[in-house]
């Protein structure tokens, strides 16, 4: 039995998706030796996580905030802010360690009960 041109073309169209998958898989294996791209962020501190007793009031970047019931609040870092204010004192932000995500955890003073 002799196959015509149309029959051959139809058969190739059926094989094309399978061949595409094979090429994609083989192409992925060939590039496995490449090292992953290095991710760099030019913002050293991305955010500040203020941790303290619920209700503790502090100021950051010109706004006043209160710690919620969870005991912490995370704020996006401002380029201009270098200090925060709590209990009438201005304190530096950059003294607290930064984690691998660029967040600095800032402990707020504990409220002391008056006797």
N, C-alpha and C. Protein backbone atom coordinates (compact mmCIF):
# COMPACT_ATOMS: atom_id res chain seq x y z
N UNK A 1 0.85 -1.17 0.00
CA UNK A 1 0.00 0.00 0.00
C UNK A 1 0.89 1.23 0.00
N UNK A 2 0.55 2.15 -0.85
CA UNK A 2 1.35 3.35 -0.99
C UNK A 2 0.68 4.52 -0.29
N UNK A 3 1.47 5.27 0.53
CA UNK A 3 0.91 6.41 1.25
C UNK A 3 1.09 7.68 0.45
N UNK A 4 0.08 8.48 0.42
CA UNK A 4 0.16 9.75 -0.28
C UNK A 4 0.79 10.82 0.61
N UNK A 5 1.02 11.98 0.03
CA UNK A 5 1.63 13.08 0.77
C UNK A 5 0.78 13.51 1.97
N UNK A 6 -0.50 13.52 1.78
CA UNK A 6 -1.38 13.95 2.87
C UNK A 6 -1.27 13.02 4.08
N UNK A 7 -1.19 11.75 3.85
CA UNK A 7 -1.09 10.80 4.96
C UNK A 7 0.20 10.99 5.72
N UNK A 8 1.30 11.26 5.02
CA UNK A 8 2.59 11.48 5.67
C UNK A 8 2.54 12.76 6.50
N UNK A 9 1.97 13.83 5.94
CA UNK A 9 1.87 15.09 6.66
C UNK A 9 1.01 14.95 7.91
N UNK A 10 -0.08 14.20 7.83
CA UNK A 10 -0.94 14.01 9.00
C UNK A 10 -0.18 13.27 10.10
N UNK A 11 0.58 12.29 9.72
CA UNK A 11 1.35 11.54 10.71
C UNK A 11 2.38 12.43 11.40
N UNK A 12 3.01 13.33 10.68
CA UNK A 12 3.99 14.24 11.27
C UNK A 12 3.31 15.21 12.23
N UNK A 13 2.14 15.64 11.91
CA UNK A 13 1.42 16.56 12.80
C UNK A 13 1.07 15.88 14.12
N UNK A 14 0.81 14.59 14.07
CA UNK A 14 0.52 13.87 15.31
C UNK A 14 1.77 13.71 16.17
N UNK A 15 2.92 13.60 15.54
CA UNK A 15 4.17 13.40 16.27
C UNK A 15 4.79 14.70 16.76
N UNK A 16 4.41 15.80 16.17
CA UNK A 16 5.01 17.08 16.51
C UNK A 16 4.89 17.43 17.99
N UNK A 17 3.72 17.30 18.65
CA UNK A 17 3.65 17.62 20.09
C UNK A 17 4.59 16.73 20.93
N UNK A 18 4.68 15.46 20.59
CA UNK A 18 5.56 14.55 21.33
C UNK A 18 7.01 14.95 21.14
N UNK A 19 7.40 15.32 19.95
CA UNK A 19 8.77 15.74 19.69
C UNK A 19 9.09 17.04 20.43
N UNK A 20 8.13 17.93 20.49
CA UNK A 20 8.34 19.19 21.20
C UNK A 20 8.61 18.93 22.67
N UNK A 21 7.85 18.05 23.29
CA UNK A 21 8.06 17.71 24.70
C UNK A 21 9.45 17.11 24.90
N UNK A 22 9.87 16.23 24.01
CA UNK A 22 11.19 15.61 24.11
C UNK A 22 12.28 16.67 24.02
N UNK A 23 12.18 17.59 23.10
CA UNK A 23 13.19 18.63 22.95
C UNK A 23 13.25 19.54 24.18
N UNK A 24 12.10 19.87 24.74
CA UNK A 24 12.06 20.72 25.93
C UNK A 24 12.72 20.01 27.10
N UNK A 25 12.41 18.75 27.29
CA UNK A 25 13.00 17.98 28.40
C UNK A 25 14.51 17.82 28.23
N UNK A 26 14.94 17.49 27.02
CA UNK A 26 16.37 17.33 26.77
C UNK A 26 17.10 18.67 26.89
N UNK A 27 16.46 19.73 26.46
CA UNK A 27 17.07 21.06 26.59
C UNK A 27 17.25 21.45 28.03
N UNK A 28 16.29 21.10 28.88
CA UNK A 28 16.40 21.39 30.31
C UNK A 28 17.53 20.61 30.96
N UNK A 29 17.74 19.38 30.53
CA UNK A 29 18.83 18.57 31.09
C UNK A 29 20.19 19.11 30.68
N UNK A 30 20.28 19.63 29.48
CA UNK A 30 21.56 20.15 28.99
C UNK A 30 22.00 21.39 29.76
N UNK A 31 21.08 22.14 30.31
CA UNK A 31 21.41 23.39 31.00
C UNK A 31 21.45 23.26 32.51
N UNK A 32 21.50 22.07 33.03
CA UNK A 32 21.50 21.88 34.48
C UNK A 32 22.78 22.34 35.14
N UNK A 33 23.86 22.40 34.41
CA UNK A 33 25.14 22.81 34.98
C UNK A 33 25.20 24.31 35.27
N UNK A 34 24.31 25.07 34.68
CA UNK A 34 24.33 26.52 34.88
C UNK A 34 23.98 26.85 36.32
N UNK A 35 24.70 27.80 36.90
CA UNK A 35 24.42 28.20 38.28
C UNK A 35 23.18 29.08 38.31
N UNK A 36 22.42 29.04 39.42
CA UNK A 36 21.22 29.88 39.51
C UNK A 36 21.60 31.36 39.52
N UNK A 37 20.71 32.20 39.05
CA UNK A 37 21.03 33.63 39.03
C UNK A 37 21.17 34.18 40.44
N UNK A 38 22.08 35.11 40.60
CA UNK A 38 22.28 35.74 41.90
C UNK A 38 21.27 36.87 42.06
N UNK A 39 20.52 36.84 43.13
CA UNK A 39 19.51 37.86 43.38
C UNK A 39 20.11 38.91 44.30
N UNK A 40 20.05 40.15 43.87
CA UNK A 40 20.56 41.23 44.70
C UNK A 40 19.51 42.31 44.82
N UNK A 41 19.42 42.85 46.00
CA UNK A 41 18.48 43.93 46.26
C UNK A 41 19.32 45.11 46.74
N UNK A 42 19.10 46.26 46.15
CA UNK A 42 19.90 47.43 46.50
C UNK A 42 19.31 48.21 47.66
N UNK A 43 18.31 47.62 48.31
CA UNK A 43 17.73 48.23 49.51
C UNK A 43 18.20 47.38 50.68
N UNK A 44 19.10 47.88 51.50
CA UNK A 44 19.61 47.04 52.59
C UNK A 44 18.54 46.63 53.60
N UNK A 45 17.70 47.56 54.02
CA UNK A 45 16.62 47.25 54.96
C UNK A 45 15.29 47.42 54.24
N UNK A 46 14.53 46.33 54.16
CA UNK A 46 13.25 46.35 53.45
C UNK A 46 12.11 46.76 54.38
N UNK A 47 12.17 46.26 55.62
CA UNK A 47 11.10 46.57 56.56
C UNK A 47 11.61 46.51 58.00
N UNK A 48 10.81 47.05 58.90
CA UNK A 48 11.09 47.01 60.33
C UNK A 48 9.92 46.32 61.02
N UNK A 49 10.23 45.34 61.86
CA UNK A 49 9.20 44.66 62.65
C UNK A 49 9.34 45.16 64.09
N UNK A 50 8.39 45.96 64.50
CA UNK A 50 8.39 46.49 65.86
C UNK A 50 7.67 45.50 66.76
N UNK A 51 8.35 45.04 67.80
CA UNK A 51 7.81 44.02 68.70
C UNK A 51 7.70 44.61 70.10
N UNK A 52 6.53 44.45 70.72
CA UNK A 52 6.33 44.97 72.07
C UNK A 52 4.98 44.58 72.62
N UNK A 53 4.69 45.10 73.79
CA UNK A 53 3.40 44.84 74.42
C UNK A 53 2.28 45.46 73.58
N UNK A 54 1.15 44.75 73.47
CA UNK A 54 0.01 45.33 72.74
C UNK A 54 -0.36 46.70 73.33
N UNK A 55 -0.59 47.65 72.45
CA UNK A 55 -0.97 48.99 72.86
C UNK A 55 0.21 49.95 73.00
N UNK A 56 1.44 49.42 72.94
CA UNK A 56 2.62 50.30 73.03
C UNK A 56 2.61 51.25 71.85
N UNK A 57 2.78 52.54 72.13
CA UNK A 57 2.74 53.57 71.10
C UNK A 57 4.16 54.01 70.76
N UNK A 58 4.42 54.18 69.47
CA UNK A 58 5.72 54.65 69.00
C UNK A 58 5.52 55.43 67.71
N UNK A 59 6.53 56.19 67.31
CA UNK A 59 6.47 56.96 66.06
C UNK A 59 7.57 56.50 65.13
N UNK A 60 7.21 56.40 63.87
CA UNK A 60 8.17 56.02 62.83
C UNK A 60 7.82 56.80 61.57
N UNK A 61 8.81 57.46 61.01
CA UNK A 61 8.66 58.20 59.76
C UNK A 61 7.52 59.22 59.83
N UNK A 62 7.40 59.91 60.97
CA UNK A 62 6.43 60.98 61.11
C UNK A 62 5.02 60.53 61.46
N UNK A 63 4.79 59.23 61.59
CA UNK A 63 3.45 58.73 61.94
C UNK A 63 3.50 57.98 63.26
N UNK A 64 2.41 58.03 64.00
CA UNK A 64 2.32 57.34 65.28
C UNK A 64 1.60 56.01 65.08
N UNK A 65 2.16 54.96 65.67
CA UNK A 65 1.63 53.60 65.53
C UNK A 65 1.42 52.99 66.91
N UNK A 66 0.53 52.00 66.98
CA UNK A 66 0.31 51.21 68.20
C UNK A 66 0.52 49.75 67.86
N UNK A 67 1.18 49.04 68.77
CA UNK A 67 1.39 47.61 68.57
C UNK A 67 0.03 46.91 68.75
N UNK A 68 -0.38 46.10 67.77
CA UNK A 68 -1.67 45.39 67.89
C UNK A 68 -1.58 44.21 68.87
N UNK A 69 -2.69 43.51 69.04
CA UNK A 69 -2.77 42.40 70.00
C UNK A 69 -1.80 41.28 69.66
N UNK A 70 -1.38 41.17 68.42
CA UNK A 70 -0.44 40.12 68.03
C UNK A 70 0.94 40.32 68.67
N UNK A 71 1.23 41.55 69.11
CA UNK A 71 2.52 41.84 69.75
C UNK A 71 3.58 42.35 68.79
N UNK A 72 3.24 42.53 67.53
CA UNK A 72 4.20 43.07 66.57
C UNK A 72 3.48 43.72 65.40
N UNK A 73 4.19 44.64 64.78
CA UNK A 73 3.69 45.30 63.57
C UNK A 73 4.89 45.50 62.65
N UNK A 74 4.72 45.19 61.38
CA UNK A 74 5.81 45.32 60.41
C UNK A 74 5.50 46.46 59.45
N UNK A 75 6.45 47.37 59.32
CA UNK A 75 6.28 48.54 58.46
C UNK A 75 7.35 48.55 57.38
N UNK A 76 6.97 48.95 56.19
CA UNK A 76 7.93 49.05 55.09
C UNK A 76 8.91 50.16 55.39
N UNK A 77 10.17 49.90 55.11
CA UNK A 77 11.24 50.86 55.41
C UNK A 77 11.10 52.12 54.57
N UNK A 78 11.34 53.24 55.20
CA UNK A 78 11.35 54.53 54.53
C UNK A 78 12.80 54.93 54.30
N UNK A 79 13.09 55.51 53.15
CA UNK A 79 14.46 55.93 52.86
C UNK A 79 14.92 57.06 53.77
N UNK A 80 13.97 57.88 54.23
CA UNK A 80 14.33 59.05 55.03
C UNK A 80 14.47 58.75 56.52
N UNK A 81 13.75 57.75 57.02
CA UNK A 81 13.72 57.49 58.46
C UNK A 81 14.98 56.76 58.92
N UNK A 82 15.65 57.30 59.92
CA UNK A 82 16.83 56.65 60.52
C UNK A 82 16.63 56.40 62.00
N UNK A 83 15.52 56.93 62.54
CA UNK A 83 15.23 56.79 63.97
C UNK A 83 13.74 56.50 64.17
N UNK A 84 13.43 56.02 65.37
CA UNK A 84 12.04 55.89 65.80
C UNK A 84 11.93 56.51 67.18
N UNK A 85 10.74 56.91 67.55
CA UNK A 85 10.53 57.58 68.82
C UNK A 85 9.59 56.74 69.68
N UNK A 86 10.00 56.56 70.95
CA UNK A 86 9.18 55.85 71.90
C UNK A 86 9.45 56.43 73.29
N UNK A 87 8.39 56.65 74.05
CA UNK A 87 8.49 57.23 75.40
C UNK A 87 9.29 58.54 75.42
N UNK A 88 9.13 59.36 74.39
CA UNK A 88 9.80 60.65 74.34
C UNK A 88 11.27 60.60 73.96
N UNK A 89 11.76 59.45 73.57
CA UNK A 89 13.18 59.30 73.18
C UNK A 89 13.28 58.94 71.71
N UNK A 90 14.31 59.47 71.04
CA UNK A 90 14.61 59.08 69.67
C UNK A 90 15.72 58.04 69.70
N UNK A 91 15.48 56.93 69.04
CA UNK A 91 16.44 55.84 69.05
C UNK A 91 16.79 55.44 67.61
N UNK A 92 18.04 55.02 67.36
CA UNK A 92 18.45 54.65 66.01
C UNK A 92 17.85 53.31 65.58
N UNK A 93 17.59 53.17 64.30
CA UNK A 93 17.01 51.94 63.76
C UNK A 93 18.07 50.95 63.28
N UNK A 94 19.19 51.44 62.82
CA UNK A 94 20.16 50.57 62.16
C UNK A 94 21.02 49.74 63.12
N UNK A 95 20.77 49.79 64.41
CA UNK A 95 21.56 49.01 65.36
C UNK A 95 21.06 47.57 65.48
N UNK A 96 19.83 47.30 65.04
CA UNK A 96 19.26 45.97 65.15
C UNK A 96 19.67 45.10 63.98
N UNK A 97 19.93 43.82 64.21
CA UNK A 97 20.38 42.95 63.10
C UNK A 97 19.31 42.79 62.03
N UNK A 98 19.78 42.57 60.82
CA UNK A 98 18.90 42.40 59.65
C UNK A 98 18.88 40.92 59.29
N UNK A 99 17.70 40.36 59.04
CA UNK A 99 17.63 38.95 58.65
C UNK A 99 17.88 38.80 57.15
N UNK A 100 17.79 37.57 56.64
CA UNK A 100 18.10 37.30 55.23
C UNK A 100 17.11 37.92 54.27
N UNK A 101 15.96 38.38 54.77
CA UNK A 101 14.97 39.02 53.91
C UNK A 101 15.05 40.54 53.98
N UNK A 102 15.96 41.08 54.76
CA UNK A 102 16.11 42.53 54.87
C UNK A 102 15.23 43.16 55.92
N UNK A 103 14.73 42.36 56.86
CA UNK A 103 13.87 42.88 57.93
C UNK A 103 14.68 43.04 59.21
N UNK A 104 14.51 44.17 59.86
CA UNK A 104 15.13 44.40 61.17
C UNK A 104 14.03 44.33 62.23
N UNK A 105 14.27 43.49 63.25
CA UNK A 105 13.32 43.38 64.35
C UNK A 105 13.73 44.35 65.44
N UNK A 106 12.82 45.28 65.75
CA UNK A 106 13.10 46.35 66.72
C UNK A 106 12.27 46.09 67.98
N UNK A 107 12.94 45.73 69.09
CA UNK A 107 12.18 45.52 70.33
C UNK A 107 11.81 46.86 70.96
N UNK A 108 10.55 46.99 71.35
CA UNK A 108 10.09 48.20 72.03
C UNK A 108 10.17 47.99 73.54
N UNK A 109 10.36 49.06 74.30
CA UNK A 109 10.46 48.91 75.75
C UNK A 109 9.18 48.30 76.34
N UNK A 110 9.37 47.50 77.36
CA UNK A 110 8.24 46.86 78.04
C UNK A 110 7.60 47.86 78.99
N UNK A 111 6.28 47.87 79.01
CA UNK A 111 5.56 48.76 79.93
C UNK A 111 5.78 48.28 81.35
N UNK A 112 6.11 49.19 82.22
CA UNK A 112 6.28 48.85 83.64
C UNK A 112 5.10 49.36 84.42
N UNK A 113 4.60 48.52 85.30
CA UNK A 113 3.47 48.91 86.12
C UNK A 113 3.95 49.81 87.25
N UNK A 114 3.20 50.86 87.52
CA UNK A 114 3.53 51.75 88.64
C UNK A 114 2.89 51.21 89.92
N UNK A 115 3.63 51.27 91.00
CA UNK A 115 3.10 50.76 92.27
C UNK A 115 2.75 51.87 93.19
